[in-house]
Amino acid sequence: MMALIEPHLPALQVVIPLVAAPFCMMLGRGGFAWIFASVVSLVTFVISIALFTQTYDGTIISYHMGGWAPPIGIEYRVDILNAFVLLIVSGSAALVLPYARSSVAAEIPAERQALFYTAFLLCVAGLLGVTITGDAFNVFVFLEISSLATYALVASGAWANKRALTAAYNYLIMGTIGATFFVIGIGMLYSVTGTLNMADLAVRIADHGDSSTLRMGFVLILLGIGLKLAMFPLHLWLPNAYAYAPSAVTAFLAATATKVAVYVMLRFMFTVLGFDYEFQADTLRMVVLPLAIIAMFAASLVAIFQDDLKRMLAYSSVAQIGYILFGLSLLNETGITASIVHLFNHAVTKAALFMVAGCFIFSAGTSSISKLAGVGRDMPWTTAAFVAGGLSLIGLPLTVGFISKWYLVLATLELGWWPVALMIMASSLLAIIYVWRVVEVAYLQPAPAGVTRKEAPLSMLIPTWIFVGLSVWFGVNAMLTATAAGRAASALIGSSHILWKD
């Protein structure tokens, strides 16, 4: 049986959640839909583990949809890079759904929960499809599937706060603009090459050489994906979307959506677009890199002055995206390794922290930092999870945050940019300030008189602490993630024509 299934795992990775979504809607009230969605997410996680295991040694899996060989047919192509991202997406979904049982029940009416889990599965299917497909137009199609589902998921927060509708609308407008830029850029690549298969695109673009059409396609793709991944200053949709979405949605999106967009940028910048050495390298070094550095400081400064915990963490995410873009803009193997490993490290850290925020909302009825005075005594396990996640966000040794910043510092020192290395460490000090604000309120201020708060339920605490445990485990033993990221970076460099050498 397994021998029959195994060759089709790339297709099943996307088909299972995509087909399961409408069946989820038919299950009626929330309980059955949640069980069904949880099982489906667990199956996709198992499949992603199998694909990661097969590609860990550098093997590339090429699956031809319908038996049609590329470039005429649609190819699902799995290597160590996208297998790593598949693991992040499916693993996050498998952990967020157990957490969602209590959280969603408290924030969304029972008669609407089946629709919520349907949209969740569509979002998972879209993100997995973006990651696994080897067809450029299919990237756009799956990007829109995931985006449309995400808009609905963010809007579902309106049952708790009507501002979620405005946040979802702003997200929709910005996302649509980004998707339009992206698909026009893809069209320009197609007009030059006559193909949409990404591997074939890379070959034909290299043969074609530089042209103004390719340059404009590159710029439009960069802008489109920049909007999707909330690259500073194109991030304005993200804080409200994260702040007003249901807690489970925020945790899942923070762990996955921007990470998949970064993967798309990596894939197009280093695998597909290799037509001009100076133009692309200069764009990344002179445009993206300075914006990434500004994001690291500006977003962290804004986070310091936020009273709402979810908004604070949202601005922190913009800063962390800055770290990721900074690494890939260095255009050396260590920098790209840092970016890829930080995809995982930031996913587990920020998922844990947003889950903590959801626990506060569930038990204390608020995510306002000023109203969480003394919560460390009433909710010790939840608050301890925040402290552990916060230490990882800062980059303390023995956490995954330290691993990411270690590689970033090494990458800058390889280029002789020691002042920039000092800037990375200085930006971490800003994280200390906004994390300490929460710790101070939770532990050092007395609880308001007459306020009773109890610990969050185990169904929410256990997934939260699993993410916290991962952030510590892979901070102590980063062999698996660092090796996978290093091999992915090496493969990207091997296929790239744009890396400069001093």
Foldseek 3Di string as FASTA:
>chain_A
DCVVCVLCLLVCLQVQLVVCLVVLLVPFWAPVSLVSLLVSLVVSLVSLVVLLVVQLVPDKRWDFVPPDDPPVTWIFIDHLQLSLLSNLQSVLSNLLSLQCPLLVVVQAPGRCNSVLSSLVSQLSSLLSQLSGTQFLVSVLVSLVSNLVSLLVQQCRLCSVPVCSPVLSVVSVVLLVQLSVLLVVLQVLLCVQQVTGRQQSLQVRLQVSADDPSNLSSLVSNCSSLCLQLCQPPNNVSQLSSQQRGRLSSNLSCLLHRNLSSVSVVLCCLQFRDFRDQPSSLCCLQVPLQVSLLCLLAVLLVVLLPDQFQRSSLRSLSNNLVSQLSNLVSLQDLLSQLLNSLSSNLSSLLSSLQSLLLSQCCSFVVGRGLLQQAQVCVAAVLSVVLLVLSLCLSLLPQLFSNVVSLVSVLVSCVVVVNNVVNVSSNVSSVSSVSSSVSSVCRRHVGDHDPPGHTHYGDPSSSVSSVVSSVVRNVCSNPVPSSSSSSSVVSVVSNVNHNHRDDD
